Amino acid sequence: MLTGGCPLCTCHDVIMDELKPEEQISKILRHKGLSIATAESCTVGSICAQIGCVAGASDYLQGGIIAYQAELKDELLGVPLSLIEKHHVVSREVAEAMAMGVSERLHTDIGIASTGIAGPTGDDPMRPVGTVWLAAVWHHPEGDQIRYKQLHLVGSRTENIAKAAEEALYLVIDLLQSSDPSTEQ
C-alpha cells in the first residue's frame, strides 16, 4: 500500500492508493508547499489538463507550455537547438531540458516534460511511433533532482497521448515521494 507524506508529521497516514494520480500530486504539492508547471510536446497539454482538473489546482499549478516545434522549445523553454540537433527532439536530454526550462521560466519547484511520437506518422527507424521521453525535475536551491522515463507505446494516437500523460503523473509522484533535496543527507 502506498502512503504519502513525510515522517515529520501525521500526513503519512493518508492512504494514497484510492486517489487518482493527479489527486495524489495535489495532496503532496499542497503538503510540501510546492508549485508545478508542464512543458509538453506529444501530450499536447494533457498532463497540465489532468493536474488542473483537481479542485484548488491554482494553489500549486503555475501553468503549462505546449511547444510542439523545435523552434518553440528553444524560444519558450530555452532548449538549445544545438541540443536538439545533437540528440534529436525525442530524447532524454531534450525532455530534461524542457522540464528544467519550464520550471525556470514559470518559477516553479517542479517541472514535468514530454516529448515523443504519438503517431500514427512521424517515426523513423531509431524512434518508432509510440517512443516517448518524460522528465521531471525538482528545481531546488539545494540541488536539482531529476527523474526520466522512456516509453514504447503501441496504441492509437489518442491512446498514446493518454498513456504518456498518465505515466508523466506517476513520474512526478515518484520524484516527490522519493527525494526531497532539502532533507537529503
N, C-alpha and C. Protein backbone atom coordinates (compact mmCIF):
# COMPACT_ATOMS: atom_id res chain seq x y z
N MET A 1 0.84 -1.18 0.00
CA MET A 1 0.00 0.00 0.00
C MET A 1 0.89 1.24 0.00
N LEU A 2 0.62 2.16 -0.87
CA LEU A 2 1.37 3.39 -1.00
C LEU A 2 0.80 4.43 -0.05
N THR A 3 1.64 5.01 0.76
CA THR A 3 1.20 6.10 1.63
C THR A 3 1.97 7.34 1.27
N GLY A 4 1.37 8.47 1.52
CA GLY A 4 2.01 9.72 1.18
C GLY A 4 2.35 10.50 2.43
N GLY A 5 3.19 11.49 2.27
CA GLY A 5 3.52 12.33 3.40
C GLY A 5 4.96 12.19 3.80
N CYS A 6 5.26 12.69 4.98
CA CYS A 6 6.63 12.67 5.44
C CYS A 6 6.67 12.16 6.88
N PRO A 7 7.82 11.68 7.33
CA PRO A 7 7.92 11.14 8.68
C PRO A 7 7.88 12.21 9.76
N LEU A 8 7.88 13.47 9.40
CA LEU A 8 7.91 14.54 10.39
C LEU A 8 6.53 15.01 10.83
N CYS A 9 5.48 14.46 10.23
CA CYS A 9 4.14 14.89 10.58
C CYS A 9 3.15 13.75 10.42
N THR A 10 1.91 14.01 10.71
CA THR A 10 0.89 12.96 10.67
C THR A 10 0.34 12.71 9.28
N CYS A 11 0.77 13.47 8.29
CA CYS A 11 0.20 13.29 6.96
C CYS A 11 0.59 11.95 6.35
N HIS A 12 1.57 11.24 6.90
CA HIS A 12 1.95 9.94 6.35
C HIS A 12 0.86 8.90 6.53
N ASP A 13 -0.16 9.22 7.31
CA ASP A 13 -1.27 8.30 7.50
C ASP A 13 -2.24 8.32 6.32
N VAL A 14 -2.11 9.28 5.44
CA VAL A 14 -3.02 9.40 4.31
C VAL A 14 -2.77 8.25 3.34
N ILE A 15 -3.79 7.47 3.06
CA ILE A 15 -3.67 6.38 2.11
C ILE A 15 -3.91 6.94 0.72
N MET A 16 -2.90 6.75 -0.14
CA MET A 16 -2.94 7.36 -1.46
C MET A 16 -3.46 6.41 -2.54
N ASP A 17 -3.52 5.12 -2.28
CA ASP A 17 -3.91 4.15 -3.30
C ASP A 17 -5.26 4.45 -3.94
N GLU A 18 -6.17 4.99 -3.17
CA GLU A 18 -7.53 5.20 -3.66
C GLU A 18 -7.66 6.47 -4.48
N LEU A 19 -6.62 7.26 -4.54
CA LEU A 19 -6.66 8.53 -5.26
C LEU A 19 -6.11 8.37 -6.67
N LYS A 20 -6.67 9.16 -7.59
CA LYS A 20 -6.12 9.24 -8.93
C LYS A 20 -4.74 9.89 -8.84
N PRO A 21 -3.87 9.66 -9.82
CA PRO A 21 -2.52 10.23 -9.72
C PRO A 21 -2.52 11.76 -9.60
N GLU A 22 -3.41 12.43 -10.30
CA GLU A 22 -3.45 13.89 -10.19
C GLU A 22 -3.89 14.34 -8.80
N GLU A 23 -4.71 13.54 -8.12
CA GLU A 23 -5.13 13.85 -6.75
C GLU A 23 -3.97 13.59 -5.77
N GLN A 24 -3.18 12.55 -6.04
CA GLN A 24 -2.01 12.29 -5.22
C GLN A 24 -1.03 13.46 -5.33
N ILE A 25 -0.80 13.92 -6.56
CA ILE A 25 0.09 15.06 -6.79
C ILE A 25 -0.42 16.28 -6.04
N SER A 26 -1.72 16.53 -6.10
CA SER A 26 -2.32 17.66 -5.40
C SER A 26 -2.02 17.60 -3.91
N LYS A 27 -2.26 16.45 -3.30
CA LYS A 27 -2.04 16.30 -1.85
C LYS A 27 -0.58 16.54 -1.49
N ILE A 28 0.33 15.95 -2.26
CA ILE A 28 1.76 16.08 -1.95
C ILE A 28 2.23 17.51 -2.15
N LEU A 29 1.85 18.14 -3.27
CA LEU A 29 2.28 19.52 -3.53
C LEU A 29 1.74 20.48 -2.48
N ARG A 30 0.49 20.30 -2.12
CA ARG A 30 -0.10 21.17 -1.08
C ARG A 30 0.63 20.99 0.25
N HIS A 31 0.87 19.74 0.62
CA HIS A 31 1.54 19.47 1.90
C HIS A 31 2.94 20.07 1.93
N LYS A 32 3.68 19.95 0.84
CA LYS A 32 5.05 20.43 0.81
C LYS A 32 5.15 21.90 0.42
N GLY A 33 4.02 22.50 0.01
CA GLY A 33 4.03 23.90 -0.39
C GLY A 33 4.80 24.14 -1.67
N LEU A 34 4.68 23.22 -2.62
CA LEU A 34 5.43 23.30 -3.87
C LEU A 34 4.53 23.69 -5.03
N SER A 35 5.16 24.16 -6.10
CA SER A 35 4.44 24.52 -7.32
C SER A 35 4.95 23.68 -8.48
N ILE A 36 4.13 23.59 -9.53
CA ILE A 36 4.46 22.75 -10.69
C ILE A 36 4.06 23.44 -11.98
N ALA A 37 4.78 23.12 -13.06
CA ALA A 37 4.45 23.58 -14.41
C ALA A 37 4.78 22.46 -15.38
N THR A 38 4.14 22.48 -16.54
CA THR A 38 4.37 21.44 -17.54
C THR A 38 4.91 22.03 -18.84
N ALA A 39 5.75 21.24 -19.50
CA ALA A 39 6.25 21.55 -20.84
C ALA A 39 5.91 20.34 -21.69
N GLU A 40 5.03 20.51 -22.66
CA GLU A 40 4.53 19.36 -23.38
C GLU A 40 4.68 19.50 -24.88
N SER A 41 4.98 18.37 -25.48
CA SER A 41 5.01 18.29 -26.92
C SER A 41 4.00 17.22 -27.34
N CYS A 42 4.37 15.96 -27.26
CA CYS A 42 3.49 14.90 -27.76
C CYS A 42 2.22 14.71 -26.94
N THR A 43 2.18 15.19 -25.71
CA THR A 43 0.97 15.06 -24.90
C THR A 43 0.04 16.26 -25.05
N VAL A 44 0.43 17.22 -25.84
CA VAL A 44 -0.36 18.39 -26.25
C VAL A 44 -1.25 18.98 -25.14
N GLY A 45 -0.71 19.12 -23.95
CA GLY A 45 -1.44 19.76 -22.86
C GLY A 45 -2.18 18.82 -21.94
N SER A 46 -2.15 17.53 -22.21
CA SER A 46 -2.91 16.57 -21.40
C SER A 46 -2.41 16.47 -19.97
N ILE A 47 -1.12 16.58 -19.75
CA ILE A 47 -0.58 16.50 -18.39
C ILE A 47 -1.10 17.67 -17.57
N CYS A 48 -0.97 18.87 -18.13
CA CYS A 48 -1.43 20.07 -17.44
C CYS A 48 -2.94 20.01 -17.19
N ALA A 49 -3.68 19.52 -18.18
CA ALA A 49 -5.14 19.43 -18.03
C ALA A 49 -5.51 18.49 -16.89
N GLN A 50 -4.82 17.37 -16.77
CA GLN A 50 -5.15 16.43 -15.69
C GLN A 50 -4.81 17.01 -14.33
N ILE A 51 -3.65 17.64 -14.23
CA ILE A 51 -3.28 18.27 -12.95
C ILE A 51 -4.28 19.38 -12.63
N GLY A 52 -4.68 20.13 -13.63
CA GLY A 52 -5.59 21.25 -13.44
C GLY A 52 -7.03 20.87 -13.17
N CYS A 53 -7.41 19.62 -13.40
CA CYS A 53 -8.79 19.18 -13.16
C CYS A 53 -9.10 18.99 -11.67
N VAL A 54 -8.09 18.97 -10.83
CA VAL A 54 -8.33 18.81 -9.39
C VAL A 54 -8.74 20.17 -8.82
N ALA A 55 -9.83 20.18 -8.06
CA ALA A 55 -10.29 21.43 -7.43
C ALA A 55 -9.17 22.04 -6.59
N GLY A 56 -8.96 23.33 -6.75
CA GLY A 56 -7.92 24.03 -6.00
C GLY A 56 -6.55 23.95 -6.62
N ALA A 57 -6.46 23.48 -7.86
CA ALA A 57 -5.16 23.34 -8.53
C ALA A 57 -4.41 24.66 -8.65
N SER A 58 -5.14 25.76 -8.61
CA SER A 58 -4.46 27.05 -8.71
C SER A 58 -3.54 27.32 -7.53
N ASP A 59 -3.67 26.52 -6.46
CA ASP A 59 -2.77 26.65 -5.32
C ASP A 59 -1.35 26.23 -5.67
N TYR A 60 -1.17 25.36 -6.66
CA TYR A 60 0.17 24.82 -6.96
C TYR A 60 0.49 24.76 -8.46
N LEU A 61 -0.51 24.79 -9.33
CA LEU A 61 -0.27 24.71 -10.77
C LEU A 61 -0.04 26.11 -11.32
N GLN A 62 1.17 26.34 -11.79
CA GLN A 62 1.51 27.65 -12.35
C GLN A 62 1.04 27.78 -13.80
N GLY A 63 1.15 26.67 -14.56
CA GLY A 63 0.73 26.72 -15.96
C GLY A 63 1.47 25.69 -16.77
N GLY A 64 1.27 25.77 -18.07
CA GLY A 64 1.92 24.84 -18.97
C GLY A 64 2.26 25.49 -20.29
N ILE A 65 3.26 24.95 -20.94
CA ILE A 65 3.68 25.42 -22.26
C ILE A 65 3.64 24.23 -23.20
N ILE A 66 2.88 24.38 -24.29
CA ILE A 66 2.88 23.36 -25.34
C ILE A 66 3.84 23.87 -26.41
N ALA A 67 4.94 23.17 -26.56
CA ALA A 67 5.97 23.55 -27.53
C ALA A 67 6.17 22.37 -28.46
N TYR A 68 5.38 22.35 -29.52
CA TYR A 68 5.39 21.23 -30.44
C TYR A 68 6.59 21.27 -31.38
N GLN A 69 6.93 22.45 -31.83
CA GLN A 69 8.02 22.61 -32.79
C GLN A 69 9.35 22.89 -32.07
N ALA A 70 10.44 22.45 -32.68
CA ALA A 70 11.77 22.62 -32.08
C ALA A 70 12.07 24.09 -31.80
N GLU A 71 11.68 24.97 -32.70
CA GLU A 71 11.95 26.39 -32.52
C GLU A 71 11.26 26.93 -31.27
N LEU A 72 10.07 26.44 -30.97
CA LEU A 72 9.36 26.88 -29.77
C LEU A 72 9.98 26.29 -28.51
N LYS A 73 10.50 25.07 -28.61
CA LYS A 73 11.21 24.51 -27.46
C LYS A 73 12.39 25.40 -27.10
N ASP A 74 13.06 25.92 -28.12
CA ASP A 74 14.18 26.84 -27.92
C ASP A 74 13.69 28.18 -27.37
N GLU A 75 12.74 28.78 -28.07
CA GLU A 75 12.27 30.12 -27.72
C GLU A 75 11.54 30.19 -26.38
N LEU A 76 10.63 29.25 -26.13
CA LEU A 76 9.79 29.33 -24.93
C LEU A 76 10.37 28.60 -23.72
N LEU A 77 11.19 27.57 -23.97
CA LEU A 77 11.68 26.76 -22.87
C LEU A 77 13.20 26.83 -22.68
N GLY A 78 13.87 27.47 -23.63
CA GLY A 78 15.32 27.59 -23.52
C GLY A 78 16.08 26.33 -23.86
N VAL A 79 15.47 25.43 -24.63
CA VAL A 79 16.16 24.22 -25.08
C VAL A 79 16.98 24.59 -26.30
N PRO A 80 18.29 24.57 -26.20
CA PRO A 80 19.12 24.98 -27.34
C PRO A 80 18.88 24.11 -28.57
N LEU A 81 18.78 24.75 -29.72
CA LEU A 81 18.61 24.00 -30.96
C LEU A 81 19.78 23.05 -31.18
N SER A 82 20.96 23.44 -30.70
CA SER A 82 22.13 22.56 -30.83
C SER A 82 21.94 21.26 -30.05
N LEU A 83 21.26 21.31 -28.90
CA LEU A 83 20.97 20.11 -28.12
C LEU A 83 19.99 19.21 -28.88
N ILE A 84 19.00 19.84 -29.49
CA ILE A 84 18.01 19.10 -30.28
C ILE A 84 18.69 18.45 -31.48
N GLU A 85 19.57 19.20 -32.15
CA GLU A 85 20.27 18.66 -33.31
C GLU A 85 21.20 17.51 -32.92
N LYS A 86 21.85 17.62 -31.77
CA LYS A 86 22.80 16.60 -31.32
C LYS A 86 22.09 15.32 -30.88
N HIS A 87 20.99 15.43 -30.13
CA HIS A 87 20.36 14.26 -29.52
C HIS A 87 19.02 13.87 -30.14
N HIS A 88 18.43 14.71 -30.94
CA HIS A 88 17.11 14.54 -31.55
C HIS A 88 16.07 15.13 -30.59
N VAL A 89 14.99 15.60 -31.16
CA VAL A 89 13.92 16.21 -30.38
C VAL A 89 13.27 15.20 -29.44
N VAL A 90 13.26 13.93 -29.83
CA VAL A 90 12.71 12.87 -28.98
C VAL A 90 13.89 12.19 -28.29
N SER A 91 14.29 12.75 -27.16
CA SER A 91 15.45 12.23 -26.42
C SER A 91 15.33 12.60 -24.95
N ARG A 92 16.06 11.86 -24.14
CA ARG A 92 16.11 12.13 -22.71
C ARG A 92 16.65 13.53 -22.46
N GLU A 93 17.69 13.90 -23.19
CA GLU A 93 18.32 15.20 -22.98
C GLU A 93 17.36 16.35 -23.25
N VAL A 94 16.57 16.24 -24.30
CA VAL A 94 15.61 17.30 -24.63
C VAL A 94 14.49 17.33 -23.60
N ALA A 95 14.00 16.16 -23.19
CA ALA A 95 12.95 16.13 -22.17
C ALA A 95 13.43 16.78 -20.87
N GLU A 96 14.65 16.47 -20.45
CA GLU A 96 15.20 17.08 -19.23
C GLU A 96 15.34 18.60 -19.38
N ALA A 97 15.82 19.03 -20.53
CA ALA A 97 15.97 20.47 -20.76
C ALA A 97 14.62 21.17 -20.78
N MET A 98 13.61 20.52 -21.31
CA MET A 98 12.25 21.09 -21.31
C MET A 98 11.72 21.22 -19.88
N ALA A 99 11.91 20.18 -19.07
CA ALA A 99 11.43 20.20 -17.69
C ALA A 99 12.15 21.30 -16.90
N MET A 100 13.44 21.39 -17.06
CA MET A 100 14.21 22.43 -16.37
C MET A 100 13.79 23.81 -16.86
N GLY A 101 13.62 23.93 -18.17
CA GLY A 101 13.25 25.22 -18.74
C GLY A 101 11.90 25.72 -18.27
N VAL A 102 10.90 24.86 -18.22
CA VAL A 102 9.58 25.32 -17.78
C VAL A 102 9.60 25.67 -16.30
N SER A 103 10.36 24.92 -15.51
CA SER A 103 10.47 25.22 -14.09
C SER A 103 11.11 26.59 -13.88
N GLU A 104 12.16 26.86 -14.63
CA GLU A 104 12.84 28.15 -14.50
C GLU A 104 11.99 29.30 -15.04
N ARG A 105 11.38 29.12 -16.19
CA ARG A 105 10.63 30.21 -16.81
C ARG A 105 9.32 30.52 -16.09
N LEU A 106 8.68 29.51 -15.52
CA LEU A 106 7.42 29.74 -14.81
C LEU A 106 7.62 29.79 -13.29
N HIS A 107 8.88 29.77 -12.88
CA HIS A 107 9.24 29.95 -11.47
C HIS A 107 8.55 28.94 -10.56
N THR A 108 8.73 27.66 -10.88
CA THR A 108 8.13 26.61 -10.08
C THR A 108 9.20 25.70 -9.49
N ASP A 109 8.78 24.94 -8.49
CA ASP A 109 9.67 23.97 -7.87
C ASP A 109 9.81 22.73 -8.74
N ILE A 110 8.71 22.34 -9.39
CA ILE A 110 8.66 21.11 -10.17
C ILE A 110 8.36 21.44 -11.63
N GLY A 111 9.08 20.80 -12.53
CA GLY A 111 8.80 20.88 -13.96
C GLY A 111 8.64 19.48 -14.50
N ILE A 112 7.65 19.27 -15.33
CA ILE A 112 7.43 17.97 -15.96
C ILE A 112 7.35 18.18 -17.47
N ALA A 113 7.97 17.28 -18.23
CA ALA A 113 8.00 17.47 -19.68
C ALA A 113 7.78 16.16 -20.42
N SER A 114 7.23 16.30 -21.63
CA SER A 114 7.04 15.16 -22.53
C SER A 114 7.49 15.55 -23.93
N THR A 115 8.14 14.59 -24.59
CA THR A 115 8.48 14.75 -25.99
C THR A 115 8.46 13.36 -26.62
N GLY A 116 7.85 13.24 -27.78
CA GLY A 116 7.76 11.92 -28.38
C GLY A 116 6.98 11.91 -29.67
N ILE A 117 6.65 10.70 -30.10
CA ILE A 117 5.93 10.49 -31.36
C ILE A 117 4.65 9.73 -31.03
N ALA A 118 3.55 10.46 -30.96
CA ALA A 118 2.27 9.84 -30.60
C ALA A 118 1.69 9.03 -31.76
N GLY A 119 2.05 9.38 -32.98
CA GLY A 119 1.60 8.63 -34.14
C GLY A 119 0.40 9.28 -34.81
N PRO A 120 -0.09 8.71 -35.85
CA PRO A 120 0.37 7.46 -36.46
C PRO A 120 1.55 7.64 -37.41
N THR A 121 1.97 8.90 -37.66
CA THR A 121 3.12 9.15 -38.53
C THR A 121 4.19 9.87 -37.73
N GLY A 122 5.30 10.15 -38.39
CA GLY A 122 6.36 10.93 -37.78
C GLY A 122 7.52 10.12 -37.26
N ASP A 123 7.45 8.80 -37.41
CA ASP A 123 8.51 7.96 -36.88
C ASP A 123 9.69 7.86 -37.83
N ASP A 124 10.76 7.30 -37.31
CA ASP A 124 11.93 6.97 -38.11
C ASP A 124 12.48 5.65 -37.57
N PRO A 125 13.45 5.05 -38.23
CA PRO A 125 13.94 3.74 -37.77
C PRO A 125 14.45 3.73 -36.32
N MET A 126 14.99 4.84 -35.86
CA MET A 126 15.52 4.92 -34.49
C MET A 126 14.44 5.21 -33.46
N ARG A 127 13.36 5.85 -33.89
CA ARG A 127 12.29 6.26 -32.98
C ARG A 127 10.95 5.93 -33.60
N PRO A 128 10.46 4.74 -33.36
CA PRO A 128 9.16 4.35 -33.93
C PRO A 128 8.01 5.09 -33.23
N VAL A 129 6.86 5.08 -33.87
CA VAL A 129 5.65 5.63 -33.26
C VAL A 129 5.51 5.02 -31.87
N GLY A 130 5.16 5.84 -30.92
CA GLY A 130 5.00 5.39 -29.54
C GLY A 130 6.22 5.63 -28.67
N THR A 131 7.32 6.10 -29.27
CA THR A 131 8.51 6.44 -28.48
C THR A 131 8.26 7.78 -27.79
N VAL A 132 8.38 7.78 -26.49
CA VAL A 132 8.15 9.00 -25.70
C VAL A 132 9.22 9.08 -24.62
N TRP A 133 9.73 10.28 -24.39
CA TRP A 133 10.60 10.55 -23.25
C TRP A 133 9.88 11.51 -22.33
N LEU A 134 9.89 11.18 -21.04
CA LEU A 134 9.34 12.02 -19.99
C LEU A 134 10.46 12.42 -19.05
N ALA A 135 10.38 13.62 -18.51
CA ALA A 135 11.34 14.05 -17.49
C ALA A 135 10.61 14.90 -16.47
N ALA A 136 11.02 14.73 -15.22
CA ALA A 136 10.50 15.55 -14.12
C ALA A 136 11.69 16.07 -13.35
N VAL A 137 11.68 17.34 -13.03
CA VAL A 137 12.77 17.96 -12.28
C VAL A 137 12.21 18.66 -11.05
N TRP A 138 12.89 18.49 -9.94
CA TRP A 138 12.61 19.26 -8.73
C TRP A 138 13.69 20.31 -8.70
N HIS A 139 13.35 21.49 -9.14
CA HIS A 139 14.29 22.61 -9.25
C HIS A 139 14.38 23.26 -7.87
N HIS A 140 15.47 23.00 -7.17
CA HIS A 140 15.58 23.38 -5.77
C HIS A 140 16.95 24.00 -5.52
N PRO A 141 17.03 25.06 -4.70
CA PRO A 141 18.32 25.69 -4.41
C PRO A 141 19.35 24.72 -3.81
N GLU A 142 18.88 23.69 -3.14
CA GLU A 142 19.79 22.71 -2.51
C GLU A 142 20.36 21.71 -3.52
N GLY A 143 19.79 21.70 -4.71
CA GLY A 143 20.25 20.77 -5.75
C GLY A 143 19.08 20.17 -6.49
N ASP A 144 19.17 20.15 -7.79
CA ASP A 144 18.09 19.62 -8.62
C ASP A 144 18.03 18.10 -8.55
N GLN A 145 16.82 17.58 -8.49
CA GLN A 145 16.56 16.14 -8.58
C GLN A 145 15.84 15.90 -9.89
N ILE A 146 16.28 14.90 -10.65
CA ILE A 146 15.69 14.66 -11.96
C ILE A 146 15.32 13.18 -12.07
N ARG A 147 14.15 12.95 -12.64
CA ARG A 147 13.72 11.60 -13.00
C ARG A 147 13.34 11.63 -14.47
N TYR A 148 13.59 10.54 -15.17
CA TYR A 148 13.18 10.45 -16.57
C TYR A 148 12.73 9.03 -16.85
N LYS A 149 11.98 8.90 -17.93
CA LYS A 149 11.46 7.59 -18.31
C LYS A 149 11.22 7.58 -19.81
N GLN A 150 11.62 6.47 -20.44
CA GLN A 150 11.31 6.27 -21.85
C GLN A 150 10.16 5.29 -21.96
N LEU A 151 9.22 5.61 -22.84
CA LEU A 151 8.07 4.76 -23.08
C LEU A 151 8.11 4.24 -24.52
N HIS A 152 7.58 3.05 -24.70
CA HIS A 152 7.41 2.45 -26.03
C HIS A 152 5.94 2.04 -26.11
N LEU A 153 5.10 2.95 -26.54
CA LEU A 153 3.65 2.74 -26.54
C LEU A 153 3.20 2.13 -27.87
N VAL A 154 2.09 1.40 -27.82
CA VAL A 154 1.64 0.69 -29.02
C VAL A 154 0.18 0.97 -29.37
N GLY A 155 -0.41 1.98 -28.81
CA GLY A 155 -1.82 2.27 -29.07
C GLY A 155 -2.02 3.22 -30.23
N SER A 156 -3.25 3.68 -30.34
CA SER A 156 -3.58 4.72 -31.31
C SER A 156 -2.98 6.04 -30.81
N ARG A 157 -3.05 7.06 -31.63
CA ARG A 157 -2.54 8.38 -31.22
C ARG A 157 -3.19 8.82 -29.91
N THR A 158 -4.49 8.74 -29.84
CA THR A 158 -5.22 9.15 -28.63
C THR A 158 -4.81 8.33 -27.43
N GLU A 159 -4.69 7.03 -27.62
CA GLU A 159 -4.27 6.15 -26.52
C GLU A 159 -2.84 6.45 -26.08
N ASN A 160 -1.95 6.71 -27.03
CA ASN A 160 -0.56 7.02 -26.70
C ASN A 160 -0.45 8.32 -25.91
N ILE A 161 -1.22 9.32 -26.31
CA ILE A 161 -1.21 10.60 -25.59
C ILE A 161 -1.71 10.39 -24.16
N ALA A 162 -2.80 9.68 -24.01
CA ALA A 162 -3.37 9.45 -22.67
C ALA A 162 -2.42 8.66 -21.78
N LYS A 163 -1.81 7.62 -22.33
CA LYS A 163 -0.89 6.78 -21.54
C LYS A 163 0.36 7.57 -21.17
N ALA A 164 0.90 8.36 -22.09
CA ALA A 164 2.09 9.16 -21.80
C ALA A 164 1.79 10.18 -20.70
N ALA A 165 0.62 10.80 -20.75
CA ALA A 165 0.24 11.77 -19.71
C ALA A 165 0.11 11.08 -18.36
N GLU A 166 -0.51 9.91 -18.34
CA GLU A 166 -0.65 9.16 -17.09
C GLU A 166 0.72 8.78 -16.52
N GLU A 167 1.60 8.29 -17.38
CA GLU A 167 2.95 7.92 -16.92
C GLU A 167 3.72 9.14 -16.41
N ALA A 168 3.49 10.30 -17.02
CA ALA A 168 4.14 11.52 -16.55
C ALA A 168 3.69 11.86 -15.13
N LEU A 169 2.41 11.68 -14.84
CA LEU A 169 1.91 11.94 -13.49
C LEU A 169 2.57 11.00 -12.48
N TYR A 170 2.70 9.73 -12.84
CA TYR A 170 3.35 8.78 -11.94
C TYR A 170 4.84 9.10 -11.75
N LEU A 171 5.46 9.65 -12.78
CA LEU A 171 6.86 10.07 -12.66
C LEU A 171 7.00 11.21 -11.66
N VAL A 172 6.07 12.15 -11.69
CA VAL A 172 6.07 13.24 -10.72
C VAL A 172 5.88 12.69 -9.30
N ILE A 173 4.96 11.77 -9.14
CA ILE A 173 4.72 11.16 -7.82
C ILE A 173 5.99 10.50 -7.32
N ASP A 174 6.67 9.76 -8.18
CA ASP A 174 7.92 9.11 -7.80
C ASP A 174 8.95 10.15 -7.36
N LEU A 175 9.07 11.21 -8.12
CA LEU A 175 10.02 12.27 -7.77
C LEU A 175 9.70 12.87 -6.41
N LEU A 176 8.44 13.19 -6.19
CA LEU A 176 8.03 13.84 -4.94
C LEU A 176 8.15 12.93 -3.73
N GLN A 177 7.92 11.65 -3.92
CA GLN A 177 7.94 10.74 -2.78
C GLN A 177 9.32 10.17 -2.47
N SER A 178 10.20 10.17 -3.45
CA SER A 178 11.49 9.52 -3.24
C SER A 178 12.63 10.47 -2.92
N SER A 179 12.44 11.75 -3.14
CA SER A 179 13.56 12.66 -2.89
C SER A 179 13.05 14.03 -2.52
N ASP A 180 13.64 14.55 -1.50
CA ASP A 180 13.42 15.93 -1.08
C ASP A 180 14.80 16.55 -0.91
N PRO A 181 15.23 17.36 -1.89
CA PRO A 181 16.58 17.90 -1.84
C PRO A 181 16.89 18.67 -0.57
N SER A 182 15.89 19.20 0.08
CA SER A 182 16.15 20.00 1.28
C SER A 182 16.38 19.12 2.51
N THR A 183 16.04 17.82 2.44
CA THR A 183 16.20 16.98 3.61
C THR A 183 17.18 15.84 3.41
N GLU A 184 17.72 15.66 2.19
CA GLU A 184 18.68 14.58 1.96
C GLU A 184 19.97 14.87 2.69
N GLN A 185 20.59 13.81 3.18
CA GLN A 185 21.84 13.98 3.91
C GLN A 185 23.00 13.50 3.09
